[in-house]
C-alpha cells in the first residue's frame, strides 16, 4: 500500500518510491519527489495560473513516454482545473497552484510544459519564447552564440530576455511581454528568427526542415502559438540522467560561447537556487513586461 503523506492539509498517496526512474544514475522516484519539494518555492510561480501539459514517463525515459493534456483520471477534487479554449472545442486542464498539487503531479512522474499565456486571459500572450535547438555537429556552444545575438536584438526593441537550458542539448530564451496576442507574438518571433538567419546564415536556421538542420541552430519561434507549450523552468526532463531545464545567467551563456558546457542535473539546480535564487524571477514582475514594437 502506498504511504500516505500530508502536504498543506492534503492527503497524498505517494507510490513506488524506490522505483529507479533514471537507470544510468540510480535516481529514484523518491528523489524525484524530493527534488520537486525542495525546488517548489521557485518552480510554483512559473506554473501558477498556466494550464499544464504533462509529458509522462512513469517507467523512466526508456519506458512509455506520452503527453497528457486533459485532466488525468483519478485527479483529486482539490486540484484546481479550468476549461481551456481549443480549436477543436474546450478542454479541462490542470493548474498546479500550490505545493500539494505539485507533489500530486510529481507523483505521476512528468515533465511540466506550459503555454505562453495565463488562464485569466488566454487571448493575450505574456511570454515570448525561442527554443534554440542545435543540429549535430552543432552544440550548445553554438546555441550560446545565437542566444547572445538574439538578446541584443531583443534589447534594441526594449525587450529584456532571460535564458535557461532546455534540459536536453539546447537553450530557451524567454521574455515577459504584454498587450500582444499569441498570433502577433509568433509573427514578431518569426521575424527575429529570419533576421538571425540572415545575420548568421552558416549557423542559424528558422525553418523546421530537418534536412537543413545538421550543423545549424534551429531557432524555433513556433512555440509562441497559443496551442503550443514549452518545458517549464526547473522541470526534470525524460532523459538518460535527471537533467533539468535550468535558468542560467548571461555571464554563463557568454562563457559557454567560448567552448563550455551548460548542463545541470537535479542536484546541481538545488545548489544553484540556494546560491543565486531564481534567475528568472524578473519574468514574474508584470511591471517589467515589454510591449512588442
Protein backbone atom coordinates (compact mmCIF):
# COMPACT_ATOMS: atom_id res chain seq x y z
CA UNK A 1 0.00 0.00 0.00
CA UNK A 2 1.35 3.44 -0.96
CA UNK A 3 2.39 5.57 2.02
CA UNK A 4 0.08 8.47 2.83
CA UNK A 5 1.72 11.86 3.22
CA UNK A 6 0.04 15.08 4.30
CA UNK A 7 1.03 18.21 2.36
CA UNK A 8 -0.50 21.52 3.38
CA UNK A 9 -3.50 19.68 4.82
CA UNK A 10 -3.99 17.46 1.77
CA UNK A 11 -3.53 13.70 1.99
CA UNK A 12 -1.44 12.18 -0.80
CA UNK A 13 -0.66 8.57 -1.62
CA UNK A 14 2.93 8.54 -2.95
CA UNK A 15 3.60 5.31 -4.81
CA UNK A 16 6.65 3.24 -5.83
CA UNK A 17 9.14 5.44 -4.02
CA UNK A 18 12.06 3.03 -4.50
CA UNK A 19 11.48 2.69 -8.24
CA UNK A 20 14.55 3.68 -10.27
CA UNK A 21 13.45 6.15 -12.93
CA UNK A 22 16.90 7.11 -14.24
CA UNK A 23 18.85 3.81 -14.51
CA UNK A 24 22.09 5.50 -15.62
CA UNK A 25 22.40 7.18 -12.22
CA UNK A 26 20.06 5.15 -9.98
CA UNK A 27 17.86 8.23 -9.40
CA UNK A 28 14.64 7.03 -7.81
CA UNK A 29 11.07 8.26 -7.71
CA UNK A 30 11.60 9.30 -4.09
CA UNK A 31 14.45 11.53 -5.28
CA UNK A 32 12.21 12.99 -7.99
CA UNK A 33 9.63 13.91 -5.35
CA UNK A 34 12.30 15.27 -3.03
CA UNK A 35 13.67 17.45 -5.85
CA UNK A 36 10.27 18.98 -6.57
CA UNK A 37 9.52 19.55 -2.90
CA UNK A 38 12.89 21.27 -2.46
CA UNK A 39 12.57 23.43 -5.56
CA UNK A 40 8.86 24.26 -5.17
CA UNK A 41 9.36 27.82 -3.95
CA UNK A 42 10.93 28.89 -7.25
CA UNK A 43 9.07 26.47 -9.53
CA UNK A 44 5.48 27.17 -8.47
CA UNK A 45 5.38 30.84 -9.56
CA UNK A 46 6.28 29.73 -13.10
CA UNK A 47 3.46 27.15 -13.14
CA UNK A 48 0.73 29.07 -11.36
CA UNK A 49 -2.31 30.03 -13.47
CA UNK A 50 -0.97 28.19 -16.53
CA UNK A 51 -2.84 25.11 -17.80
CA UNK A 52 -0.34 22.27 -17.76
CA UNK A 53 0.51 19.64 -20.31
CA UNK A 54 2.20 16.64 -18.72
CA UNK A 55 4.83 14.62 -20.58
CA UNK A 56 4.65 11.46 -18.51
CA UNK A 57 7.34 8.80 -18.19
CA UNK A 58 6.13 6.61 -15.30
CA UNK A 59 8.61 3.81 -16.09
CA UNK A 60 11.55 6.12 -16.77
CA UNK A 61 12.72 7.64 -20.07
CA UNK A 62 13.30 4.20 -21.58
CA UNK A 63 9.67 3.22 -21.00
CA UNK A 64 6.49 4.62 -22.47
CA UNK A 65 6.56 8.43 -22.79
CA UNK A 66 3.29 10.21 -23.57
CA UNK A 67 1.61 13.62 -23.39
CA UNK A 68 -1.44 14.21 -21.18
CA UNK A 69 -3.32 17.46 -21.71
CA UNK A 70 -6.75 16.74 -20.24
CA UNK A 71 -7.31 16.26 -16.51
CA UNK A 72 -5.94 12.75 -15.73
CA UNK A 73 -8.31 10.13 -14.32
CA UNK A 74 -8.19 10.00 -10.54
CA UNK A 75 -7.24 13.65 -10.11
CA UNK A 76 -8.21 14.73 -6.56
CA UNK A 77 -11.14 17.13 -6.39
CA UNK A 78 -8.97 19.70 -4.57
CA UNK A 79 -6.60 20.06 -7.53
CA UNK A 80 -7.54 23.19 -9.48
CA UNK A 81 -8.75 22.65 -13.04
CA UNK A 82 -10.01 25.05 -15.68
CA UNK A 83 -11.72 25.00 -19.04
CA UNK A 84 -9.27 25.89 -21.79
CA UNK A 85 -10.30 27.03 -25.29
CA UNK A 86 -9.11 24.88 -28.19
CA UNK A 87 -9.81 24.93 -31.90
CA UNK A 88 -11.45 21.50 -31.64
CA UNK A 89 -13.53 22.55 -28.64
CA UNK A 90 -12.90 23.43 -24.98
CA UNK A 91 -10.96 21.05 -22.74
CA UNK A 92 -10.42 20.85 -18.99
CA UNK A 93 -6.81 21.01 -17.85
CA UNK A 94 -4.88 21.03 -14.58
CA UNK A 95 -3.50 24.14 -12.88
CA UNK A 96 -0.76 23.46 -10.34
CA UNK A 97 -1.35 26.28 -7.86
CA UNK A 98 0.22 25.02 -4.64
CA UNK A 99 2.68 22.57 -3.11
CA UNK A 100 0.12 19.80 -2.58
CA UNK A 101 -0.90 19.92 -6.24
CA UNK A 102 2.75 19.95 -7.29
CA UNK A 103 3.53 16.84 -5.28
CA UNK A 104 0.44 15.09 -6.62
CA UNK A 105 1.55 15.89 -10.18
CA UNK A 106 5.17 14.93 -9.49
CA UNK A 107 3.94 11.53 -8.27
CA UNK A 108 2.67 10.95 -11.83
CA UNK A 109 6.32 11.28 -13.00
CA UNK A 110 6.07 14.05 -15.54
CA UNK A 111 7.75 16.90 -17.32
CA UNK A 112 5.81 20.14 -16.86
CA UNK A 113 5.01 22.07 -20.05
CA UNK A 114 3.26 25.45 -20.06
CA UNK A 115 1.76 27.79 -22.69
CA UNK A 116 2.88 31.39 -23.09
CA UNK A 117 -0.35 32.78 -21.58
CA UNK A 118 -2.29 32.75 -18.32
CA UNK A 119 -5.70 31.16 -17.77
CA UNK A 120 -7.23 34.54 -16.93
CA UNK A 121 -6.65 35.80 -20.47
CA UNK A 122 -5.92 33.05 -23.00
CA UNK A 123 -6.12 35.59 -25.80
CA UNK A 124 -3.07 37.57 -24.64
CA UNK A 125 0.49 36.28 -24.58
CA UNK A 126 2.54 37.16 -21.52
CA UNK A 127 5.69 35.35 -22.65
CA UNK A 128 7.89 35.37 -25.72
CA UNK A 129 9.96 32.22 -26.21
CA UNK A 130 12.68 30.95 -28.54
CA UNK A 131 13.80 27.32 -28.44
CA UNK A 132 17.37 27.06 -29.75
CA UNK A 133 17.96 23.51 -30.92
CA UNK A 134 21.38 22.50 -32.31
CA UNK A 135 21.62 20.02 -35.16
CA UNK A 136 24.78 17.92 -34.70
CA UNK A 137 27.63 18.59 -35.04
CA UNK A 138 26.39 21.96 -33.71
CA UNK A 139 26.22 22.05 -29.89
CA UNK A 140 25.03 24.24 -27.06
CA UNK A 141 28.15 26.37 -27.67
CA UNK A 142 26.59 27.42 -30.99
CA UNK A 143 23.26 27.99 -29.25
CA UNK A 144 25.00 30.41 -26.89
CA UNK A 145 26.32 32.44 -29.82
CA UNK A 146 22.82 32.70 -31.26
CA UNK A 147 21.32 33.48 -27.85
CA UNK A 148 23.65 36.43 -27.35
CA UNK A 149 22.73 37.81 -30.78
CA UNK A 150 19.02 37.46 -30.03
CA UNK A 151 19.45 39.09 -26.64
CA UNK A 152 20.97 42.19 -28.23
CA UNK A 153 18.37 42.28 -30.98
CA UNK A 154 15.51 42.00 -28.48
CA UNK A 155 17.09 44.71 -26.31
CA UNK A 156 17.04 47.03 -29.33
CA UNK A 157 13.25 46.69 -29.24
CA UNK A 158 13.11 47.23 -25.49
CA UNK A 159 12.57 43.53 -24.71
CA UNK A 160 14.67 42.00 -21.92
CA UNK A 161 15.48 38.33 -22.46
CA UNK A 162 16.46 35.61 -19.99
CA UNK A 163 17.94 32.19 -20.66
CA UNK A 164 17.59 28.65 -19.41
CA UNK A 165 18.87 25.31 -20.57
CA UNK A 166 16.35 23.14 -22.36
CA UNK A 167 17.35 20.20 -20.18
CA UNK A 168 18.46 18.44 -23.33
CA UNK A 169 21.04 19.87 -25.72
CA UNK A 170 19.84 23.40 -26.39
CA UNK A 171 18.74 26.69 -24.83
CA UNK A 172 15.47 28.52 -24.28
CA UNK A 173 15.15 32.31 -24.34
CA UNK A 174 12.21 33.87 -22.51
CA UNK A 175 10.89 37.41 -22.18
CA UNK A 176 7.88 38.93 -20.43
CA UNK A 177 5.54 40.73 -22.83
CA UNK A 178 2.15 42.42 -22.67
CA UNK A 179 -0.52 43.81 -24.94
CA UNK A 180 0.02 41.25 -27.68
CA UNK A 181 -1.90 38.25 -28.95
CA UNK A 182 -0.24 34.88 -29.45
CA UNK A 183 -0.53 35.43 -33.20
CA UNK A 184 1.26 38.79 -33.03
CA UNK A 185 3.93 37.40 -30.71
CA UNK A 186 4.53 34.48 -33.08
CA UNK A 187 4.80 36.87 -36.01
CA UNK A 188 7.34 39.01 -34.16
CA UNK A 189 9.36 35.96 -33.06
CA UNK A 190 9.43 34.59 -36.60
CA UNK A 191 10.68 37.93 -37.88
CA UNK A 192 13.59 37.86 -35.45
CA UNK A 193 14.39 34.24 -36.33
CA UNK A 194 14.55 35.23 -40.01
CA UNK A 195 16.80 38.18 -39.12
CA UNK A 196 19.09 35.88 -37.16
CA UNK A 197 19.37 33.54 -40.14
CA UNK A 198 20.25 36.44 -42.42
CA UNK A 199 22.86 37.70 -39.96
CA UNK A 200 24.39 34.23 -39.40
CA UNK A 201 23.44 32.15 -42.46
CA UNK A 202 26.03 29.46 -41.81
CA UNK A 203 24.84 28.96 -38.25
CA UNK A 204 21.11 29.75 -37.95
CA UNK A 205 18.01 28.17 -39.44
CA UNK A 206 14.48 29.48 -38.90
CA UNK A 207 12.68 26.63 -40.71
CA UNK A 208 11.96 23.23 -39.21
CA UNK A 209 13.15 21.32 -42.31
CA UNK A 210 15.25 18.51 -40.83
CA UNK A 211 17.39 18.02 -43.92
CA UNK A 212 18.74 21.56 -43.45
CA UNK A 213 19.49 21.28 -39.75
CA UNK A 214 22.87 19.45 -39.48
CA UNK A 215 25.49 21.86 -38.19
CA UNK A 216 22.99 24.66 -37.57
CA UNK A 217 20.94 26.06 -34.70
CA UNK A 218 17.22 25.87 -35.37
CA UNK A 219 15.58 28.98 -33.87
CA UNK A 220 12.14 27.60 -33.11
CA UNK A 221 9.78 30.57 -32.89
CA UNK A 222 6.62 28.46 -33.31
CA UNK A 223 6.19 27.72 -29.60
CA UNK A 224 4.64 31.17 -29.24
CA UNK A 225 1.45 29.83 -30.84
CA UNK A 226 -1.41 29.67 -28.34
CA UNK A 227 -1.76 25.90 -28.75
CA UNK A 228 1.95 25.21 -28.15
CA UNK A 229 3.79 24.64 -24.86
CA UNK A 230 7.40 24.78 -23.68
CA UNK A 231 9.18 22.89 -20.92
CA UNK A 232 8.74 24.92 -17.73
CA UNK A 233 11.67 26.33 -15.78
CA UNK A 234 13.03 23.80 -13.26
CA UNK A 235 11.19 20.81 -14.72
CA UNK A 236 13.02 17.49 -14.80
CA UNK A 237 13.34 16.01 -18.28
CA UNK A 238 12.80 12.45 -19.50
CA UNK A 239 16.44 11.92 -20.42
CA UNK A 240 19.08 9.30 -19.62
CA UNK A 241 20.03 11.21 -16.47
CA UNK A 242 17.91 13.61 -14.33
CA UNK A 243 18.59 16.76 -16.35
CA UNK A 244 16.69 19.95 -15.55
CA UNK A 245 15.59 22.89 -17.67
CA UNK A 246 17.66 25.26 -15.54
CA UNK A 247 17.88 29.06 -15.56
CA UNK A 248 21.34 30.41 -16.43
CA UNK A 249 22.92 33.84 -16.25
CA UNK A 250 24.07 35.75 -19.30
CA UNK A 251 27.60 35.54 -17.93
CA UNK A 252 27.34 31.75 -18.12
CA UNK A 253 25.99 31.96 -21.66
CA UNK A 254 28.90 34.20 -22.69
CA UNK A 255 31.42 31.83 -21.12
CA UNK A 256 29.81 28.84 -22.81
CA UNK A 257 30.16 30.56 -26.18
CA UNK A 258 33.93 30.06 -25.99
CA UNK A 259 33.67 26.31 -25.54
CA UNK A 260 31.97 25.49 -22.23
CA UNK A 261 29.01 23.29 -21.36
CA UNK A 262 25.63 24.15 -19.91
CA UNK A 263 24.11 21.04 -18.36
CA UNK A 264 22.56 20.79 -14.94
CA UNK A 265 21.15 17.83 -13.05
CA UNK A 266 18.64 17.99 -10.22
CA UNK A 267 21.34 18.11 -7.54
CA UNK A 268 23.10 20.97 -9.35
CA UNK A 269 19.93 23.02 -9.59
CA UNK A 270 19.11 22.76 -5.89
CA UNK A 271 22.55 24.17 -5.08
CA UNK A 272 22.24 26.90 -7.71
CA UNK A 273 18.92 28.09 -6.30
CA UNK A 274 20.47 28.24 -2.84
CA UNK A 275 23.27 30.43 -4.22
CA UNK A 276 21.51 32.58 -6.80
CA UNK A 277 17.79 32.36 -6.07
CA UNK A 278 15.51 32.33 -9.12
CA UNK A 279 17.42 33.78 -12.08
CA UNK A 280 14.09 34.02 -13.93
CA UNK A 281 12.31 35.98 -11.19
CA UNK A 282 12.20 39.18 -13.33
CA UNK A 283 9.83 37.38 -15.70
CA UNK A 284 7.26 37.34 -12.90
CA UNK A 285 7.36 41.13 -12.47
CA UNK A 286 4.42 42.42 -14.52
CA UNK A 287 5.88 45.92 -14.42
CA UNK A 288 8.89 44.74 -16.44
CA UNK A 289 6.85 43.21 -19.26
CA UNK A 290 7.54 44.82 -22.63
CA UNK A 291 5.20 45.86 -25.39
CA UNK A 292 6.28 44.48 -28.75
CA UNK A 293 7.00 47.05 -31.47
